[in-house]
Amino acid sequence: MVLIFLPLTTQAEESVIVTGTAPLMDNVINSRQEAIDTALDQAVMNTVKTVYPYAEQIRETISPSDFIQNYSIVQEEARDGIYRIQIEARIDWRRLARKLSNLGIINSANGEKILLFFTLPEDIDFKTQILSFWQQFFLVFGFSPVYEEVLTREKISDYAFQKGIPFIFNLSVNTHFSESGEPSTWDLDSTPELIYTTYNETIFREHFKHKVFAPDIEKLTQTILYQNQNMAYEIVPKLSGWLGKYKRKGTMFKLVFTGISKYKDIFN
């Protein structure tokens, strides 16, 4: 199963491209439908796994049809006893976030904007994969990710303030050959930082350092993506817990001011 993300739009429903397979049976129509059903199911479950590694435990409570708006066929073929079909599906991320919130897995951000900023090695091109992964992560959480290619580190806070974006996710990744001198060994340093800009509050910040074996750039990129998934799992409980408190603060505010109809009722 391959999951590919298309460029973000301003809509809540974002497109994903997935490839589903099924055994090729005498009735090709049945094989085709099974491949489509498999692709749609995995499209949703794979996104859930971004924030919840035990997604298989809740598979029976999540129906793909509830979260997929529509889909179109990209390409299909029947070969070597397998029917393969690639589809482009539109997912309602906010509805999925609400479902996971109702299941007690996460607290949803309810559409709040978050600015994504990355500092990555210039000699290794994996920005597309990193960007796609974190876009997916925050979409599942109910955020509306914002990414601007031309921003610099010095300008991200000002940009977030000017655009009224209350959250910033800043990820720094550094790779270099290991100082140990071991062949095909890399030192990987990553620092994810999640900030609530309204009060300049750091929700999560931690430095991760690993020594990894990678005989080529492709393997190194795969390892970096794997480490990003692990970092995401570290962020989930902190972010979900913070969003829970964030919601309760809002509820308390509403309760305090219930029944107040005049300005003087507050200050007199």
Protein backbone atom coordinates (compact mmCIF):
# COMPACT_ATOMS: atom_id res chain seq x y z
CA MET A 1 0.00 0.00 0.00
CA VAL A 2 1.40 3.33 -1.07
CA LEU A 3 0.04 6.58 0.40
CA ILE A 4 0.87 9.83 -1.39
CA PHE A 5 -0.33 13.32 -0.43
CA LEU A 6 -1.21 15.99 -2.92
CA PRO A 7 -0.50 19.71 -2.31
CA LEU A 8 -2.63 21.30 0.39
CA THR A 9 -5.64 23.42 -0.45
CA THR A 10 -7.68 25.67 1.83
CA GLN A 11 -10.46 23.09 2.12
CA ALA A 12 -11.02 20.71 5.00
CA GLU A 13 -11.12 17.72 2.63
CA GLU A 14 -7.68 16.87 1.27
CA SER A 15 -6.79 14.38 -1.45
CA VAL A 16 -4.70 11.26 -1.01
CA ILE A 17 -3.63 8.77 -3.65
CA VAL A 18 -3.66 5.11 -2.62
CA THR A 19 -3.07 1.82 -4.39
CA GLY A 20 -5.22 -1.17 -3.43
CA THR A 21 -4.81 -4.80 -4.49
CA ALA A 22 -6.96 -7.93 -4.59
CA PRO A 23 -6.59 -11.49 -5.93
CA LEU A 24 -7.65 -11.73 -9.56
CA MET A 25 -10.79 -13.90 -9.65
CA ASP A 26 -12.92 -15.19 -12.50
CA ASN A 27 -15.30 -12.35 -11.85
CA VAL A 28 -13.04 -9.37 -12.55
CA ILE A 29 -15.71 -6.91 -11.36
CA ASN A 30 -15.56 -8.44 -7.88
CA SER A 31 -11.76 -8.27 -7.87
CA ARG A 32 -11.87 -4.63 -8.88
CA GLN A 33 -14.36 -3.72 -6.15
CA GLU A 34 -12.34 -5.57 -3.51
CA ALA A 35 -9.21 -3.66 -4.55
CA ILE A 36 -11.11 -0.37 -4.29
CA ASP A 37 -12.51 -1.28 -0.86
CA THR A 38 -9.03 -2.25 0.36
CA ALA A 39 -7.55 1.03 -0.84
CA LEU A 40 -10.26 3.14 0.81
CA ASP A 41 -9.97 1.23 4.07
CA GLN A 42 -6.20 1.55 4.23
CA ALA A 43 -6.30 5.22 3.24
CA VAL A 44 -8.23 5.96 6.41
CA MET A 45 -6.45 3.48 8.68
CA ASN A 46 -2.97 4.61 7.61
CA THR A 47 -3.83 8.20 8.49
CA VAL A 48 -5.11 7.10 11.90
CA LYS A 49 -1.81 5.28 12.49
CA THR A 50 -0.02 8.61 12.20
CA VAL A 51 -1.29 9.53 15.66
CA TYR A 52 -2.31 6.13 17.04
CA PRO A 53 -0.06 3.08 16.49
CA TYR A 54 -2.79 0.70 17.67
CA ALA A 55 -5.23 1.67 14.92
CA GLU A 56 -6.03 -1.96 14.16
CA GLN A 57 -7.71 -2.22 17.57
CA ILE A 58 -10.36 0.31 16.54
CA ARG A 59 -10.78 -0.79 12.91
CA GLU A 60 -14.30 -2.11 13.60
CA THR A 61 -15.39 1.30 14.92
CA ILE A 62 -14.20 3.26 11.88
CA SER A 63 -16.04 3.00 8.57
CA PRO A 64 -14.07 4.45 5.63
CA SER A 65 -17.30 5.57 3.95
CA ASP A 66 -17.89 7.96 6.86
CA PHE A 67 -14.68 9.89 6.16
CA ILE A 68 -14.11 9.63 2.40
CA GLN A 69 -16.04 12.27 0.48
CA ASN A 70 -15.47 10.76 -2.96
CA TYR A 71 -12.79 9.15 -5.07
CA SER A 72 -11.69 8.86 -8.69
CA ILE A 73 -9.70 6.20 -10.54
CA VAL A 74 -6.12 7.17 -11.41
CA GLN A 75 -5.02 3.91 -13.03
CA GLU A 76 -5.70 0.19 -12.82
CA GLU A 77 -4.37 -3.09 -14.15
CA ALA A 78 -4.85 -6.86 -13.84
CA ARG A 79 -1.55 -8.75 -14.00
CA ASP A 80 0.19 -11.76 -12.45
CA GLY A 81 -2.97 -12.86 -10.63
CA ILE A 82 -3.39 -9.48 -8.88
CA TYR A 83 -5.82 -6.65 -9.57
CA ARG A 84 -4.22 -3.28 -8.77
CA ILE A 85 -6.06 -0.02 -8.73
CA GLN A 86 -4.84 3.45 -7.84
CA ILE A 87 -7.42 5.97 -6.67
CA GLU A 88 -7.48 9.58 -5.57
CA ALA A 89 -9.67 9.92 -2.48
CA ARG A 90 -10.87 13.05 -0.70
CA ILE A 91 -10.89 12.68 3.08
CA ASP A 92 -12.89 14.77 5.52
CA TRP A 93 -10.08 15.29 8.02
CA ARG A 94 -12.07 17.28 10.54
CA ARG A 95 -14.75 14.64 10.73
CA LEU A 96 -12.06 12.01 11.25
CA ALA A 97 -10.52 14.18 13.99
CA ARG A 98 -13.90 14.46 15.72
CA LYS A 99 -14.32 10.68 15.54
CA LEU A 100 -10.92 10.07 17.14
CA SER A 101 -11.75 12.69 19.75
CA ASN A 102 -15.04 10.91 20.55
CA LEU A 103 -13.11 7.65 20.91
CA GLY A 104 -10.81 9.34 23.43
CA ILE A 105 -7.70 8.91 21.28
CA ILE A 106 -6.96 12.60 20.74
CA ASN A 107 -8.41 16.02 21.48
CA SER A 108 -9.25 17.82 18.24
CA ALA A 109 -7.91 21.27 17.37
CA ASN A 110 -11.26 22.07 15.70
CA GLY A 111 -9.77 23.65 12.59
CA GLU A 112 -7.19 25.94 14.24
CA LYS A 113 -4.40 27.01 11.88
CA ILE A 114 -0.84 25.83 12.42
CA LEU A 115 2.23 27.15 10.59
CA LEU A 116 4.76 24.49 9.55
CA PHE A 117 8.44 25.41 9.25
CA PHE A 118 11.35 23.06 8.50
CA THR A 119 15.13 23.41 8.68
CA LEU A 120 16.50 20.46 6.70
CA PRO A 121 19.88 19.42 5.23
CA GLU A 122 20.51 21.06 1.86
CA ASP A 123 22.38 18.08 0.39
CA ILE A 124 19.55 15.55 0.90
CA ASP A 125 16.19 16.12 -0.76
CA PHE A 126 13.41 14.75 1.43
CA LYS A 127 11.38 17.91 2.10
CA THR A 128 8.36 16.61 0.17
CA GLN A 129 8.11 13.45 2.29
CA ILE A 130 8.65 15.35 5.56
CA LEU A 131 6.11 18.02 4.64
CA SER A 132 3.51 15.42 3.59
CA PHE A 133 3.94 13.45 6.79
CA TRP A 134 3.50 16.43 9.14
CA GLN A 135 0.64 17.85 7.10
CA GLN A 136 -1.11 14.52 7.55
CA PHE A 137 -0.30 14.39 11.26
CA PHE A 138 -1.82 17.79 11.98
CA LEU A 139 -4.80 17.23 9.67
CA VAL A 140 -5.68 14.11 11.64
CA PHE A 141 -5.49 16.25 14.79
CA GLY A 142 -8.04 18.63 13.32
CA PHE A 143 -5.61 21.45 12.49
CA SER A 144 -5.49 23.45 9.25
CA PRO A 145 -1.79 23.35 8.26
CA VAL A 146 -0.20 26.36 6.58
CA TYR A 147 3.14 26.16 4.78
CA GLU A 148 5.02 28.97 3.03
CA GLU A 149 8.11 28.00 1.04
CA VAL A 150 9.78 31.42 1.19
CA LEU A 151 9.68 31.97 4.95
CA THR A 152 12.89 32.22 6.97
CA ARG A 153 13.35 31.21 10.60
CA GLU A 154 13.59 34.86 11.66
CA LYS A 155 10.25 35.69 10.06
CA ILE A 156 8.02 32.82 11.18
CA SER A 157 6.78 34.46 14.41
CA ASP A 158 5.97 37.73 12.66
CA TYR A 159 4.23 35.88 9.85
CA ALA A 160 2.11 33.85 12.28
CA PHE A 161 1.16 37.04 14.14
CA GLN A 162 0.24 38.92 10.95
CA LYS A 163 -1.88 36.04 9.65
CA GLY A 164 -3.50 35.28 12.99
CA ILE A 165 -2.07 31.76 13.18
CA PRO A 166 -2.09 30.59 16.83
CA PHE A 167 0.24 27.58 16.47
CA ILE A 168 3.72 27.03 15.03
CA PHE A 169 5.43 23.69 14.41
CA ASN A 170 9.16 24.13 13.87
CA LEU A 171 11.22 21.07 12.96
CA SER A 172 15.01 21.07 12.63
CA VAL A 173 16.76 18.00 11.17
CA ASN A 174 20.54 17.69 10.83
CA THR A 175 22.45 14.75 9.35
CA HIS A 176 26.18 14.14 8.98
CA PHE A 177 28.54 11.21 8.81
CA SER A 178 29.17 9.74 12.23
CA GLU A 179 32.19 11.04 14.10
CA SER A 180 32.95 7.42 15.00
CA GLY A 181 34.23 6.90 11.47
CA GLU A 182 32.16 3.76 10.96
CA PRO A 183 31.26 3.26 7.27
CA SER A 184 27.68 4.14 6.18
CA THR A 185 26.91 5.41 9.68
CA TRP A 186 25.16 8.73 10.24
CA ASP A 187 24.44 10.94 13.21
CA LEU A 188 20.85 12.12 13.06
CA ASP A 189 19.77 15.10 15.17
CA SER A 190 16.15 16.27 15.21
CA THR A 191 14.39 18.92 17.28
CA PRO A 192 10.61 19.34 16.95
CA GLU A 193 9.09 22.39 18.63
CA LEU A 194 5.38 23.11 18.97
CA ILE A 195 4.40 26.60 20.14
CA TYR A 196 1.14 28.29 21.06
CA THR A 197 1.87 31.78 19.78
CA THR A 198 -0.89 33.66 21.62
CA TYR A 199 1.01 33.34 24.92
CA ASN A 200 4.35 32.19 23.49
CA GLU A 201 3.81 28.86 25.25
CA THR A 202 5.90 25.84 24.32
CA ILE A 203 3.65 22.78 24.12
CA PHE A 204 6.43 20.39 23.11
CA ARG A 205 10.15 20.66 22.54
CA GLU A 206 12.66 17.85 22.67
CA HIS A 207 15.99 16.97 21.09
CA PHE A 208 16.34 13.52 19.53
CA LYS A 209 19.75 12.11 18.63
CA HIS A 210 20.37 8.77 16.92
CA LYS A 211 23.20 6.96 15.24
CA VAL A 212 21.84 5.15 12.17
CA PHE A 213 23.24 2.81 9.53
CA ALA A 214 22.32 3.78 5.97
CA PRO A 215 24.30 2.49 2.96
CA ASP A 216 22.65 5.03 0.63
CA ILE A 217 20.53 8.19 0.62
CA GLU A 218 17.31 6.27 -0.02
CA LYS A 219 17.82 4.19 3.11
CA LEU A 220 18.76 7.30 5.09
CA THR A 221 15.57 9.05 3.95
CA GLN A 222 13.48 6.04 5.01
CA THR A 223 15.18 6.07 8.41
CA ILE A 224 14.52 9.79 8.84
CA LEU A 225 10.83 9.28 8.04
CA TYR A 226 10.69 6.41 10.52
CA GLN A 227 12.25 8.63 13.20
CA ASN A 228 9.70 11.35 12.40
CA GLN A 229 6.90 8.86 13.02
CA ASN A 230 8.43 8.02 16.39
CA MET A 231 8.69 11.72 17.22
CA ALA A 232 5.04 12.13 16.27
CA TYR A 233 4.06 9.43 18.77
CA GLU A 234 6.01 11.33 21.45
CA ILE A 235 4.14 14.54 20.58
CA VAL A 236 0.63 13.01 20.56
CA PRO A 237 0.01 12.74 24.34
CA LYS A 238 1.50 16.17 25.07
CA LEU A 239 -0.46 17.88 22.30
CA SER A 240 -3.70 16.03 23.04
CA GLY A 241 -3.44 16.80 26.75
CA TRP A 242 -2.71 20.45 26.04
CA LEU A 243 -5.67 20.74 23.65
CA GLY A 244 -7.90 19.22 26.34
CA LYS A 245 -6.88 21.97 28.78
CA TYR A 246 -7.20 24.56 26.00
CA LYS A 247 -10.84 23.54 25.43
CA ARG A 248 -11.63 23.56 29.14
CA LYS A 249 -10.24 27.09 29.46
CA GLY A 250 -12.62 28.19 26.73
CA THR A 251 -15.56 26.48 28.43
CA MET A 252 -14.73 28.12 31.76
CA PHE A 253 -14.65 31.51 30.07
CA LYS A 254 -18.14 30.98 28.69
CA LEU A 255 -19.50 29.87 32.06
CA VAL A 256 -18.08 32.85 33.92
CA PHE A 257 -19.79 35.32 31.62
CA THR A 258 -23.13 33.52 31.37
CA GLY A 259 -25.99 35.86 32.25
CA ILE A 260 -23.99 39.09 31.92
CA SER A 261 -25.79 41.40 29.54
CA LYS A 262 -24.33 44.82 30.30
CA TYR A 263 -20.81 46.25 30.44
CA LYS A 264 -21.36 47.58 33.98
CA ASP A 265 -22.33 44.10 35.21
CA ILE A 266 -18.69 43.09 34.82
CA PHE A 267 -16.95 46.04 36.46
CA ASN A 268 -19.49 47.33 39.03
